[in-house]
C-alpha atoms as a PDB file:
ATOM      1  CA  MET A   1     260.857 200.884 149.914  1.00  0.00           C
ATOM      2  CA  ARG A   2     264.442 199.624 149.812  1.00  0.00           C
ATOM      3  CA  ASP A   3     264.985 200.555 153.471  1.00  0.00           C
ATOM      4  CA  PHE A   4     261.836 198.681 154.493  1.00  0.00           C
ATOM      5  CA  HIS A   5     262.944 195.603 152.563  1.00  0.00           C
ATOM      6  CA  GLN A   6     266.375 195.642 154.211  1.00  0.00           C
ATOM      7  CA  ALA A   7     264.899 196.252 157.671  1.00  0.00           C
ATOM      8  CA  CYS A   8     262.462 193.359 157.183  1.00  0.00           C
ATOM      9  CA  THR A   9     265.269 191.064 156.048  1.00  0.00           C
ATOM     10  CA  ARG A  10     267.262 191.898 159.180  1.00  0.00           C
ATOM     11  CA  MET A  11     264.166 191.394 161.336  1.00  0.00           C
ATOM     12  CA  VAL A  12     263.110 188.039 159.879  1.00  0.00           C
ATOM     13  CA  ARG A  13     266.664 186.732 160.253  1.00  0.00           C
ATOM     14  CA  ALA A  14     266.990 188.270 163.754  1.00  0.00           C
ATOM     15  CA  ASP A  15     270.172 189.988 162.560  1.00  0.00           C
ATOM     16  CA  TYR A  16     270.147 192.219 165.632  1.00  0.00           C
ATOM     17  CA  CYS A  17     273.593 193.759 165.158  1.00  0.00           C
ATOM     18  CA  GLY A  18     273.242 194.268 161.403  1.00  0.00           C
ATOM     19  CA  THR A  19     276.319 192.164 160.673  1.00  0.00           C
ATOM     20  CA  GLY A  20     274.691 189.446 158.581  1.00  0.00           C
ATOM     21  CA  VAL A  21     274.585 186.961 161.475  1.00  0.00           C
ATOM     22  CA  ALA A  22     271.156 185.376 161.970  1.00  0.00           C
ATOM     23  CA  HIS A  23     269.864 184.530 165.455  1.00  0.00           C
ATOM     24  CA  THR A  24     266.681 182.642 164.664  1.00  0.00           C
ATOM     25  CA  GLN A  25     265.533 179.213 163.585  1.00  0.00           C
ATOM     26  CA  GLU A  26     263.386 178.081 160.684  1.00  0.00           C
ATOM     27  CA  GLY A  27     259.701 178.075 161.570  1.00  0.00           C
ATOM     28  CA  THR A  28     259.968 180.682 164.341  1.00  0.00           C
ATOM     29  CA  GLN A  29     256.795 182.779 164.353  1.00  0.00           C
ATOM     30  CA  ILE A  30     256.957 186.565 164.539  1.00  0.00           C
ATOM     31  CA  ASP A  31     254.380 189.336 164.247  1.00  0.00           C
ATOM     32  CA  VAL A  32     255.609 192.102 161.937  1.00  0.00           C
ATOM     33  CA  TYR A  33     254.230 195.652 161.860  1.00  0.00           C
ATOM     34  CA  ASP A  34     255.443 198.929 160.466  1.00  0.00           C
ATOM     35  CA  GLN A  35     255.090 202.688 160.708  1.00  0.00           C
ATOM     36  CA  LEU A  36     253.296 202.898 157.332  1.00  0.00           C
ATOM     37  CA  GLY A  37     250.466 200.600 158.399  1.00  0.00           C
ATOM     38  CA  ILE A  38     251.158 198.070 155.637  1.00  0.00           C
ATOM     39  CA  GLN A  39     251.471 195.390 158.310  1.00  0.00           C
ATOM     40  CA  LYS A  40     249.463 195.886 161.484  1.00  0.00           C
ATOM     41  CA  ARG A  41     250.117 194.387 164.884  1.00  0.00           C
ATOM     42  CA  VAL A  42     247.985 191.343 165.758  1.00  0.00           C
ATOM     43  CA  ASN A  43     245.965 191.889 168.935  1.00  0.00           C
ATOM     44  CA  ASN A  44     246.186 189.295 171.694  1.00  0.00           C
ATOM     45  CA  SER A  45     248.615 187.071 169.788  1.00  0.00           C
ATOM     46  CA  GLY A  46     250.327 185.945 172.976  1.00  0.00           C
ATOM     47  CA  MET A  47     253.575 187.355 171.620  1.00  0.00           C
ATOM     48  CA  THR A  48     255.513 190.165 173.281  1.00  0.00           C
ATOM     49  CA  PHE A  49     257.511 193.028 171.831  1.00  0.00           C
ATOM     50  CA  GLU A  50     260.963 191.935 170.684  1.00  0.00           C
ATOM     51  CA  ALA A  51     262.720 194.737 168.779  1.00  0.00           C
ATOM     52  CA  ALA A  52     262.521 197.858 166.623  1.00  0.00           C
ATOM     53  CA  TRP A  53     264.375 197.743 163.294  1.00  0.00           C
ATOM     54  CA  ASN A  54     265.850 199.820 160.505  1.00  0.00           C
ATOM     55  CA  PRO A  55     268.072 198.797 157.561  1.00  0.00           C
ATOM     56  CA  ASN A  56     271.107 198.536 159.870  1.00  0.00           C
ATOM     57  CA  GLY A  57     269.561 195.948 162.193  1.00  0.00           C
ATOM     58  CA  ALA A  58     267.772 196.365 165.489  1.00  0.00           C
ATOM     59  CA  VAL A  59     267.923 199.931 166.734  1.00  0.00           C
ATOM     60  CA  ALA A  60     266.461 198.865 170.069  1.00  0.00           C
ATOM     61  CA  ILE A  61     266.178 195.329 171.418  1.00  0.00           C
ATOM     62  CA  ASN A  62     263.681 194.686 174.186  1.00  0.00           C
ATOM     63  CA  ARG A  63     264.602 190.986 174.273  1.00  0.00           C
ATOM     64  CA  THR A  64     265.901 188.316 171.927  1.00  0.00           C
ATOM     65  CA  ARG A  65     263.794 185.495 170.456  1.00  0.00           C
ATOM     66  CA  PHE A  66     265.907 182.846 172.091  1.00  0.00           C
ATOM     67  CA  SER A  67     267.310 183.329 175.585  1.00  0.00           C
ATOM     68  CA  LYS A  68     270.598 181.677 174.572  1.00  0.00           C
ATOM     69  CA  THR A  69     271.152 184.486 172.030  1.00  0.00           C
ATOM     70  CA  LEU A  70     271.215 187.238 174.651  1.00  0.00           C
ATOM     71  CA  ALA A  71     274.812 186.628 175.770  1.00  0.00           C
ATOM     72  CA  GLN A  72     276.032 186.876 172.178  1.00  0.00           C
ATOM     73  CA  ILE A  73     274.170 190.153 171.625  1.00  0.00           C
ATOM     74  CA  GLN A  74     275.500 191.549 174.904  1.00  0.00           C
ATOM     75  CA  GLN A  75     278.985 190.895 173.574  1.00  0.00           C
ATOM     76  CA  ASP A  76     278.509 191.973 169.922  1.00  0.00           C
ATOM     77  CA  CYS A  77     276.269 195.039 170.159  1.00  0.00           C
ATOM     78  CA  PRO A  78     275.278 195.791 173.786  1.00  0.00           C
ATOM     79  CA  GLU A  79     274.297 199.381 172.951  1.00  0.00           C
ATOM     80  CA  ARG A  80     271.240 198.077 171.110  1.00  0.00           C
ATOM     81  CA  LEU A  81     269.755 196.369 174.179  1.00  0.00           C
ATOM     82  CA  ARG A  82     267.135 198.683 175.646  1.00  0.00           C
ATOM     83  CA  PRO A  83     264.309 197.166 177.676  1.00  0.00           C
ATOM     84  CA  PHE A  84     260.944 198.665 176.782  1.00  0.00           C
ATOM     85  CA  GLN A  85     259.336 200.071 179.926  1.00  0.00           C
ATOM     86  CA  SER A  86     255.709 200.073 178.783  1.00  0.00           C
ATOM     87  CA  ASP A  87     252.937 197.527 178.349  1.00  0.00           C
ATOM     88  CA  ILE A  88     251.781 197.534 174.735  1.00  0.00           C
ATOM     89  CA  ASP A  89     250.185 194.106 174.787  1.00  0.00           C
ATOM     90  CA  ARG A  90     246.669 195.235 175.649  1.00  0.00           C
ATOM     91  CA  ASP A  91     246.267 198.463 173.685  1.00  0.00           C
ATOM     92  CA  SER A  92     247.630 198.103 170.180  1.00  0.00           C
ATOM     93  CA  SER A  93     246.047 201.394 169.060  1.00  0.00           C
ATOM     94  CA  LYS A  94     248.698 203.197 171.109  1.00  0.00           C
ATOM     95  CA  ALA A  95     251.476 200.658 170.561  1.00  0.00           C
ATOM     96  CA  LEU A  96     252.980 202.201 167.445  1.00  0.00           C
ATOM     97  CA  SER A  97     253.218 205.717 168.863  1.00  0.00           C
ATOM     98  CA  LYS A  98     254.828 204.370 172.057  1.00  0.00           C
ATOM     99  CA  LEU A  99     257.311 202.347 170.017  1.00  0.00           C
ATOM    100  CA  GLN A 100     258.176 205.294 167.794  1.00  0.00           C
ATOM    101  CA  GLN A 101     259.016 207.310 170.917  1.00  0.00           C
ATOM    102  CA  TYR A 102     261.092 204.400 172.245  1.00  0.00           C
ATOM    103  CA  ALA A 103     263.001 203.973 168.959  1.00  0.00           C
ATOM    104  CA  PRO A 104     262.528 207.002 166.668  1.00  0.00           C
ATOM    105  CA  LYS A 105     264.907 205.648 163.993  1.00  0.00           C
ATOM    106  CA  ALA A 106     262.944 202.400 163.602  1.00  0.00           C
ATOM    107  CA  ILE A 107     260.695 201.738 160.621  1.00  0.00           C
ATOM    108  CA  VAL A 108     259.495 198.194 161.390  1.00  0.00           C
ATOM    109  CA  PHE A 109     258.795 196.352 164.636  1.00  0.00           C
ATOM    110  CA  ASN A 110     258.147 192.807 165.702  1.00  0.00           C
ATOM    111  CA  ASP A 111     256.680 190.721 168.470  1.00  0.00           C
ATOM    112  CA  SER A 112     257.578 187.094 169.076  1.00  0.00           C
ATOM    113  CA  PHE A 113     257.240 184.233 171.501  1.00  0.00           C
ATOM    114  CA  LEU A 114     260.168 183.736 173.861  1.00  0.00           C
ATOM    115  CA  ASN A 115     261.687 180.388 172.910  1.00  0.00           C
END
């Protein structure tokens, strides 16, 4: 479970590039879910898909939590930015399989509000 712990730490901190630099703020809400089903996606939360994660940071970033962060990510790790071309907001039963196809190396995922 070490990899899951590290991936979750990167996700909660919004350490997109896996460099130890956080891109979030205290109190920011996120919805966390994983490929093991320990955490399940919340239906109709009003949040949208943010990123797919592994122990090295975000393996695929659909968008950042804060719009001001995007320019920094584009500079530091632009290869991780990959817009997700599917709507997973309405059908969460298919969300995980779609996300695993989008980012096969990811083990945890999150949704968030755009701040």
